[in-house]
Amino acid sequence: MLRELGVQPNQKLEFELANGSAIEREAGEVRFYFDGRKAVSPVIFGEEGDASVLGVVTLKSMGLEVDPVRKQIRPTRLILY
């Protein structure tokens, strides 16, 4: 899907699976827009059988979080350390 959208990979990363085995996947960057917010976030080019997931990195970069009770995306409090 990423390639269909014109996204190009710019690196390869290694990931460890729950069973301890390692896999390699291509990665790139995408600009996301949601409810007037925007951010650039890393994306992983999955292969057949890989899950499609919008991750916490993307949500946090836009100042958002998932409310599991209401099943909604909502603004979150950002904290600087």
PDB file of N, CA and C in Angstrom:
ATOM      1  N   MET A   1       0.820  -1.184   0.000  1.00  0.00           N
ATOM      2  CA  MET A   1       0.000   0.000   0.000  1.00  0.00           C
ATOM      3  C   MET A   1       0.872   1.259   0.000  1.00  0.00           C
ATOM      4  N   LEU A   2       1.972   1.233   0.764  1.00  0.00           N
ATOM      5  CA  LEU A   2       2.838   2.409   0.811  1.00  0.00           C
ATOM      6  C   LEU A   2       3.392   2.744  -0.566  1.00  0.00           C
ATOM      7  N   ARG A   3       3.821   1.730  -1.294  1.00  0.00           N
ATOM      8  CA  ARG A   3       4.358   1.960  -2.641  1.00  0.00           C
ATOM      9  C   ARG A   3       3.274   2.519  -3.565  1.00  0.00           C
ATOM     10  N   GLU A   4       2.040   2.040  -3.418  1.00  0.00           N
ATOM     11  CA  GLU A   4       0.924   2.547  -4.223  1.00  0.00           C
ATOM     12  C   GLU A   4       0.680   4.029  -3.945  1.00  0.00           C
ATOM     13  N   LEU A   5       0.984   4.476  -2.733  1.00  0.00           N
ATOM     14  CA  LEU A   5       0.830   5.885  -2.362  1.00  0.00           C
ATOM     15  C   LEU A   5       2.033   6.730  -2.770  1.00  0.00           C
ATOM     16  N   GLY A   6       3.058   6.088  -3.336  1.00  0.00           N
ATOM     17  CA  GLY A   6       4.242   6.816  -3.781  1.00  0.00           C
ATOM     18  C   GLY A   6       5.325   6.942  -2.733  1.00  0.00           C
ATOM     19  N   VAL A   7       5.196   6.250  -1.628  1.00  0.00           N
ATOM     20  CA  VAL A   7       6.205   6.298  -0.563  1.00  0.00           C
ATOM     21  C   VAL A   7       7.377   5.405  -0.959  1.00  0.00           C
ATOM     22  N   GLN A   8       8.583   5.925  -0.797  1.00  0.00           N
ATOM     23  CA  GLN A   8       9.780   5.171  -1.134  1.00  0.00           C
ATOM     24  C   GLN A   8      10.553   4.806   0.135  1.00  0.00           C
ATOM     25  N   PRO A   9      11.045   3.578   0.220  1.00  0.00           N
ATOM     26  CA  PRO A   9      11.871   3.209   1.370  1.00  0.00           C
ATOM     27  C   PRO A   9      13.218   3.922   1.304  1.00  0.00           C
ATOM     28  N   ASN A  10      13.795   4.220   2.483  1.00  0.00           N
ATOM     29  CA  ASN A  10      15.102   4.866   2.522  1.00  0.00           C
ATOM     30  C   ASN A  10      16.113   4.117   3.391  1.00  0.00           C
ATOM     31  N   GLN A  11      15.688   2.982   3.961  1.00  0.00           N
ATOM     32  CA  GLN A  11      16.602   2.175   4.763  1.00  0.00           C
ATOM     33  C   GLN A  11      16.009   0.796   5.019  1.00  0.00           C
ATOM     34  N   LYS A  12      16.838  -0.122   5.500  1.00  0.00           N
ATOM     35  CA  LYS A  12      16.373  -1.438   5.936  1.00  0.00           C
ATOM     36  C   LYS A  12      16.657  -1.563   7.423  1.00  0.00           C
ATOM     37  N   LEU A  13      15.694  -2.125   8.166  1.00  0.00           N
ATOM     38  CA  LEU A  13      15.831  -2.298   9.603  1.00  0.00           C
ATOM     39  C   LEU A  13      15.603  -3.761   9.966  1.00  0.00           C
ATOM     40  N   GLU A  14      16.241  -4.201  11.039  1.00  0.00           N
ATOM     41  CA  GLU A  14      16.048  -5.563  11.524  1.00  0.00           C
ATOM     42  C   GLU A  14      15.145  -5.531  12.745  1.00  0.00           C
ATOM     43  N   PHE A  15      14.191  -6.464  12.784  1.00  0.00           N
ATOM     44  CA  PHE A  15      13.240  -6.563  13.889  1.00  0.00           C
ATOM     45  C   PHE A  15      13.318  -7.959  14.494  1.00  0.00           C
ATOM     46  N   GLU A  16      13.157  -8.038  15.810  1.00  0.00           N
ATOM     47  CA  GLU A  16      13.095  -9.324  16.488  1.00  0.00           C
ATOM     48  C   GLU A  16      11.631  -9.676  16.733  1.00  0.00           C
ATOM     49  N   LEU A  17      11.255 -10.884  16.357  1.00  0.00           N
ATOM     50  CA  LEU A  17       9.885 -11.356  16.565  1.00  0.00           C
ATOM     51  C   LEU A  17       9.739 -11.952  17.958  1.00  0.00           C
ATOM     52  N   ALA A  18       8.503 -12.181  18.369  1.00  0.00           N
ATOM     53  CA  ALA A  18       8.219 -12.721  19.702  1.00  0.00           C
ATOM     54  C   ALA A  18       8.883 -14.078  19.924  1.00  0.00           C
ATOM     55  N   ASN A  19       9.086 -14.833  18.844  1.00  0.00           N
ATOM     56  CA  ASN A  19       9.709 -16.156  18.982  1.00  0.00           C
ATOM     57  C   ASN A  19      11.237 -16.090  18.974  1.00  0.00           C
ATOM     58  N   GLY A  20      11.786 -14.876  18.909  1.00  0.00           N
ATOM     59  CA  GLY A  20      13.228 -14.697  18.947  1.00  0.00           C
ATOM     60  C   GLY A  20      13.899 -14.639  17.587  1.00  0.00           C
ATOM     61  N   SER A  21      13.178 -14.964  16.528  1.00  0.00           N
ATOM     62  CA  SER A  21      13.783 -14.907  15.194  1.00  0.00           C
ATOM     63  C   SER A  21      13.838 -13.450  14.716  1.00  0.00           C
ATOM     64  N   ALA A  22      14.706 -13.199  13.742  1.00  0.00           N
ATOM     65  CA  ALA A  22      14.892 -11.844  13.220  1.00  0.00           C
ATOM     66  C   ALA A  22      14.387 -11.766  11.783  1.00  0.00           C
ATOM     67  N   ILE A  23      13.810 -10.618  11.449  1.00  0.00           N
ATOM     68  CA  ILE A  23      13.393 -10.346  10.073  1.00  0.00           C
ATOM     69  C   ILE A  23      13.893  -8.964   9.692  1.00  0.00           C
ATOM     70  N   GLU A  24      13.995  -8.710   8.403  1.00  0.00           N
ATOM     71  CA  GLU A  24      14.414  -7.411   7.900  1.00  0.00           C
ATOM     72  C   GLU A  24      13.278  -6.822   7.072  1.00  0.00           C
ATOM     73  N   ARG A  25      13.020  -5.544   7.265  1.00  0.00           N
ATOM     74  CA  ARG A  25      11.986  -4.850   6.510  1.00  0.00           C
ATOM     75  C   ARG A  25      12.512  -3.485   6.071  1.00  0.00           C
ATOM     76  N   GLU A  26      12.016  -3.019   4.926  1.00  0.00           N
ATOM     77  CA  GLU A  26      12.351  -1.679   4.472  1.00  0.00           C
ATOM     78  C   GLU A  26      11.543  -0.664   5.279  1.00  0.00           C
ATOM     79  N   ALA A  27      12.081   0.557   5.404  1.00  0.00           N
ATOM     80  CA  ALA A  27      11.415   1.616   6.158  1.00  0.00           C
ATOM     81  C   ALA A  27      11.517   2.929   5.392  1.00  0.00           C
ATOM     82  N   GLY A  28      10.599   3.830   5.671  1.00  0.00           N
ATOM     83  CA  GLY A  28      10.595   5.156   5.059  1.00  0.00           C
ATOM     84  C   GLY A  28       9.886   6.137   5.979  1.00  0.00           C
ATOM     85  N   GLU A  29       9.443   7.248   5.417  1.00  0.00           N
ATOM     86  CA  GLU A  29       8.744   8.273   6.193  1.00  0.00           C
ATOM     87  C   GLU A  29       7.488   8.728   5.448  1.00  0.00           C
ATOM     88  N   VAL A  30       6.455   9.050   6.211  1.00  0.00           N
ATOM     89  CA  VAL A  30       5.194   9.523   5.644  1.00  0.00           C
ATOM     90  C   VAL A  30       4.691  10.703   6.467  1.00  0.00           C
ATOM     91  N   ARG A  31       4.101  11.675   5.790  1.00  0.00           N
ATOM     92  CA  ARG A  31       3.447  12.785   6.482  1.00  0.00           C
ATOM     93  C   ARG A  31       1.989  12.391   6.697  1.00  0.00           C
ATOM     94  N   PHE A  32       1.551  12.428   7.949  1.00  0.00           N
ATOM     95  CA  PHE A  32       0.182  12.083   8.323  1.00  0.00           C
ATOM     96  C   PHE A  32      -0.605  13.344   8.650  1.00  0.00           C
ATOM     97  N   TYR A  33      -1.901  13.327   8.320  1.00  0.00           N
ATOM     98  CA  TYR A  33      -2.820  14.424   8.633  1.00  0.00           C
ATOM     99  C   TYR A  33      -4.033  13.833   9.333  1.00  0.00           C
ATOM    100  N   PHE A  34      -4.441  14.460  10.444  1.00  0.00           N
ATOM    101  CA  PHE A  34      -5.645  14.020  11.140  1.00  0.00           C
ATOM    102  C   PHE A  34      -6.229  15.176  11.925  1.00  0.00           C
ATOM    103  N   ASP A  35      -7.458  15.504  11.665  1.00  0.00           N
ATOM    104  CA  ASP A  35      -8.204  16.491  12.448  1.00  0.00           C
ATOM    105  C   ASP A  35      -7.431  17.805  12.617  1.00  0.00           C
ATOM    106  N   GLY A  36      -6.838  18.294  11.518  1.00  0.00           N
ATOM    107  CA  GLY A  36      -6.110  19.564  11.560  1.00  0.00           C
ATOM    108  C   GLY A  36      -4.688  19.456  12.063  1.00  0.00           C
ATOM    109  N   ARG A  37      -4.256  18.281  12.410  1.00  0.00           N
ATOM    110  CA  ARG A  37      -2.884  18.068  12.899  1.00  0.00           C
ATOM    111  C   ARG A  37      -2.089  17.376  11.810  1.00  0.00           C
ATOM    112  N   LYS A  38      -0.764  17.558  11.857  1.00  0.00           N
ATOM    113  CA  LYS A  38       0.084  16.868  10.902  1.00  0.00           C
ATOM    114  C   LYS A  38       1.425  16.534  11.541  1.00  0.00           C
ATOM    115  N   ALA A  39       2.044  15.471  11.026  1.00  0.00           N
ATOM    116  CA  ALA A  39       3.339  15.047  11.534  1.00  0.00           C
ATOM    117  C   ALA A  39       3.978  14.087  10.546  1.00  0.00           C
ATOM    118  N   VAL A  40       5.285  14.003  10.607  1.00  0.00           N
ATOM    119  CA  VAL A  40       6.020  13.013   9.829  1.00  0.00           C
ATOM    120  C   VAL A  40       6.352  11.870  10.771  1.00  0.00           C
ATOM    121  N   SER A  41       6.172  10.640  10.281  1.00  0.00           N
ATOM    122  CA  SER A  41       6.412   9.471  11.121  1.00  0.00           C
ATOM    123  C   SER A  41       7.080   8.373  10.309  1.00  0.00           C
ATOM    124  N   PRO A  42       7.911   7.573  10.968  1.00  0.00           N
ATOM    125  CA  PRO A  42       8.494   6.436  10.261  1.00  0.00           C
ATOM    126  C   PRO A  42       7.427   5.397   9.943  1.00  0.00           C
ATOM    127  N   VAL A  43       7.608   4.683   8.826  1.00  0.00           N
ATOM    128  CA  VAL A  43       6.717   3.598   8.441  1.00  0.00           C
ATOM    129  C   VAL A  43       7.561   2.392   8.021  1.00  0.00           C
ATOM    130  N   ILE A  44       7.001   1.219   8.225  1.00  0.00           N
ATOM    131  CA  ILE A  44       7.661  -0.024   7.862  1.00  0.00           C
ATOM    132  C   ILE A  44       6.906  -0.647   6.694  1.00  0.00           C
ATOM    133  N   PHE A  45       7.624  -1.056   5.673  1.00  0.00           N
ATOM    134  CA  PHE A  45       7.037  -1.710   4.511  1.00  0.00           C
ATOM    135  C   PHE A  45       6.836  -3.183   4.838  1.00  0.00           C
ATOM    136  N   GLY A  46       5.610  -3.524   5.185  1.00  0.00           N
ATOM    137  CA  GLY A  46       5.295  -4.896   5.537  1.00  0.00           C
ATOM    138  C   GLY A  46       5.248  -5.803   4.319  1.00  0.00           C
ATOM    139  N   GLU A  47       5.286  -7.085   4.589  1.00  0.00           N
ATOM    140  CA  GLU A  47       5.177  -8.096   3.546  1.00  0.00           C
ATOM    141  C   GLU A  47       3.898  -8.887   3.760  1.00  0.00           C
ATOM    142  N   GLU A  48       3.568  -9.739   2.817  1.00  0.00           N
ATOM    143  CA  GLU A  48       2.372 -10.573   2.904  1.00  0.00           C
ATOM    144  C   GLU A  48       2.336 -11.277   4.260  1.00  0.00           C
ATOM    145  N   GLY A  49       1.220 -11.145   4.967  1.00  0.00           N
ATOM    146  CA  GLY A  49       1.070 -11.770   6.275  1.00  0.00           C
ATOM    147  C   GLY A  49       1.408 -10.867   7.446  1.00  0.00           C
ATOM    148  N   ASP A  50       2.093  -9.744   7.199  1.00  0.00           N
ATOM    149  CA  ASP A  50       2.395  -8.788   8.269  1.00  0.00           C
ATOM    150  C   ASP A  50       1.133  -7.994   8.611  1.00  0.00           C
ATOM    151  N   ALA A  51       0.992  -7.605   9.859  1.00  0.00           N
ATOM    152  CA  ALA A  51      -0.155  -6.812  10.298  1.00  0.00           C
ATOM    153  C   ALA A  51       0.019  -5.350   9.888  1.00  0.00           C
ATOM    154  N   SER A  52      -1.094  -4.664   9.602  1.00  0.00           N
ATOM    155  CA  SER A  52      -1.095  -3.224   9.349  1.00  0.00           C
ATOM    156  C   SER A  52      -1.520  -2.525  10.632  1.00  0.00           C
ATOM    157  N   VAL A  53      -0.651  -1.633  11.129  1.00  0.00           N
ATOM    158  CA  VAL A  53      -0.906  -1.006  12.421  1.00  0.00           C
ATOM    159  C   VAL A  53      -0.520   0.464  12.358  1.00  0.00           C
ATOM    160  N   LEU A  54      -1.368   1.327  12.896  1.00  0.00           N
ATOM    161  CA  LEU A  54      -0.996   2.723  13.115  1.00  0.00           C
ATOM    162  C   LEU A  54      -0.439   2.781  14.525  1.00  0.00           C
ATOM    163  N   GLY A  55       0.836   3.079  14.641  1.00  0.00           N
ATOM    164  CA  GLY A  55       1.522   2.955  15.918  1.00  0.00           C
ATOM    165  C   GLY A  55       1.483   4.185  16.792  1.00  0.00           C
ATOM    166  N   VAL A  56       1.947   3.984  17.999  1.00  0.00           N
ATOM    167  CA  VAL A  56       1.960   5.042  19.009  1.00  0.00           C
ATOM    168  C   VAL A  56       2.912   6.171  18.611  1.00  0.00           C
ATOM    169  N   VAL A  57       3.978   5.879  17.878  1.00  0.00           N
ATOM    170  CA  VAL A  57       4.902   6.940  17.450  1.00  0.00           C
ATOM    171  C   VAL A  57       4.166   7.960  16.594  1.00  0.00           C
ATOM    172  N   THR A  58       3.381   7.478  15.647  1.00  0.00           N
ATOM    173  CA  THR A  58       2.617   8.375  14.776  1.00  0.00           C
ATOM    174  C   THR A  58       1.605   9.179  15.580  1.00  0.00           C
ATOM    175  N   LEU A  59       0.857   8.517  16.446  1.00  0.00           N
ATOM    176  CA  LEU A  59      -0.147   9.218  17.250  1.00  0.00           C
ATOM    177  C   LEU A  59       0.492  10.267  18.154  1.00  0.00           C
ATOM    178  N   LYS A  60       1.553   9.885  18.876  1.00  0.00           N
ATOM    179  CA  LYS A  60       2.202  10.823  19.800  1.00  0.00           C
ATOM    180  C   LYS A  60       2.810  12.005  19.069  1.00  0.00           C
ATOM    181  N   SER A  61       3.344  11.781  17.863  1.00  0.00           N
ATOM    182  CA  SER A  61       3.946  12.888  17.122  1.00  0.00           C
ATOM    183  C   SER A  61       2.910  13.937  16.732  1.00  0.00           C
ATOM    184  N   MET A  62       1.636  13.544  16.703  1.00  0.00           N
ATOM    185  CA  MET A  62       0.560  14.485  16.428  1.00  0.00           C
ATOM    186  C   MET A  62      -0.141  14.942  17.712  1.00  0.00           C
ATOM    187  N   GLY A  63       0.353  14.510  18.881  1.00  0.00           N
ATOM    188  CA  GLY A  63      -0.275  14.891  20.140  1.00  0.00           C
ATOM    189  C   GLY A  63      -1.593  14.192  20.361  1.00  0.00           C
ATOM    190  N   LEU A  64      -1.683  12.921  19.924  1.00  0.00           N
ATOM    191  CA  LEU A  64      -2.925  12.157  20.038  1.00  0.00           C
ATOM    192  C   LEU A  64      -2.706  10.849  20.791  1.00  0.00           C
ATOM    193  N   GLU A  65      -3.799  10.274  21.269  1.00  0.00           N
ATOM    194  CA  GLU A  65      -3.771   8.966  21.909  1.00  0.00           C
ATOM    195  C   GLU A  65      -5.100   8.260  21.639  1.00  0.00           C
ATOM    196  N   VAL A  66      -5.114   6.968  21.880  1.00  0.00           N
ATOM    197  CA  VAL A  66      -6.337   6.182  21.718  1.00  0.00           C
ATOM    198  C   VAL A  66      -7.042   6.095  23.063  1.00  0.00           C
ATOM    199  N   ASP A  67      -8.322   6.403  23.079  1.00  0.00           N
ATOM    200  CA  ASP A  67      -9.161   6.214  24.262  1.00  0.00           C
ATOM    201  C   ASP A  67      -9.840   4.854  24.081  1.00  0.00           C
ATOM    202  N   PRO A  68      -9.338   3.806  24.770  1.00  0.00           N
ATOM    203  CA  PRO A  68      -9.877   2.462  24.559  1.00  0.00           C
ATOM    204  C   PRO A  68     -11.307   2.291  25.067  1.00  0.00           C
ATOM    205  N   VAL A  69     -11.721   3.079  26.023  1.00  0.00           N
ATOM    206  CA  VAL A  69     -13.076   2.974  26.562  1.00  0.00           C
ATOM    207  C   VAL A  69     -14.099   3.508  25.557  1.00  0.00           C
ATOM    208  N   ARG A  70     -13.828   4.705  25.028  1.00  0.00           N
ATOM    209  CA  ARG A  70     -14.744   5.321  24.061  1.00  0.00           C
ATOM    210  C   ARG A  70     -14.449   4.915  22.618  1.00  0.00           C
ATOM    211  N   LYS A  71     -13.336   4.211  22.418  1.00  0.00           N
ATOM    212  CA  LYS A  71     -12.910   3.773  21.079  1.00  0.00           C
ATOM    213  C   LYS A  71     -12.773   4.964  20.139  1.00  0.00           C
ATOM    214  N   GLN A  72     -12.039   5.979  20.631  1.00  0.00           N
ATOM    215  CA  GLN A  72     -11.826   7.210  19.870  1.00  0.00           C
ATOM    216  C   GLN A  72     -10.365   7.615  19.941  1.00  0.00           C
ATOM    217  N   ILE A  73      -9.961   8.428  18.977  1.00  0.00           N
ATOM    218  CA  ILE A  73      -8.657   9.082  19.037  1.00  0.00           C
ATOM    219  C   ILE A  73      -8.896  10.471  19.601  1.00  0.00           C
ATOM    220  N   ARG A  74      -8.088  10.864  20.593  1.00  0.00           N
ATOM    221  CA  ARG A  74      -8.292  12.166  21.243  1.00  0.00           C
ATOM    222  C   ARG A  74      -6.942  12.838  21.495  1.00  0.00           C
ATOM    223  N   PRO A  75      -6.945  14.159  21.707  1.00  0.00           N
ATOM    224  CA  PRO A  75      -5.709  14.855  22.050  1.00  0.00           C
ATOM    225  C   PRO A  75      -5.157  14.336  23.377  1.00  0.00           C
ATOM    226  N   THR A  76      -3.848  14.341  23.484  1.00  0.00           N
ATOM    227  CA  THR A  76      -3.196  13.911  24.717  1.00  0.00           C
ATOM    228  C   THR A  76      -2.321  15.038  25.247  1.00  0.00           C
ATOM    229  N   ARG A  77      -1.965  14.943  26.484  1.00  0.00           N
ATOM    230  CA  ARG A  77      -1.081  15.934  27.113  1.00  0.00           C
ATOM    231  C   ARG A  77       0.344  15.580  26.723  1.00  0.00           C
ATOM    232  N   LEU A  78       1.053  16.562  26.151  1.00  0.00           N
ATOM    233  CA  LEU A  78       2.441  16.370  25.769  1.00  0.00           C
ATOM    234  C   LEU A  78       3.354  16.799  26.907  1.00  0.00           C
ATOM    235  N   ILE A  79       4.376  16.025  27.173  1.00  0.00           N
ATOM    236  CA  ILE A  79       5.284  16.290  28.288  1.00  0.00           C
ATOM    237  C   ILE A  79       6.715  16.402  27.766  1.00  0.00           C
ATOM    238  N   LEU A  80       7.411  17.448  28.158  1.00  0.00           N
ATOM    239  CA  LEU A  80       8.837  17.607  27.836  1.00  0.00           C
ATOM    240  C   LEU A  80       9.659  17.203  29.039  1.00  0.00           C
ATOM    241  N   TYR A  81      10.700  16.473  28.810  1.00  0.00           N
ATOM    242  CA  TYR A  81      11.592  16.054  29.906  1.00  0.00           C
ATOM    243  C   TYR A  81      12.886  16.795  29.837  1.00  0.00           C
TER     244      TYR A  81
END
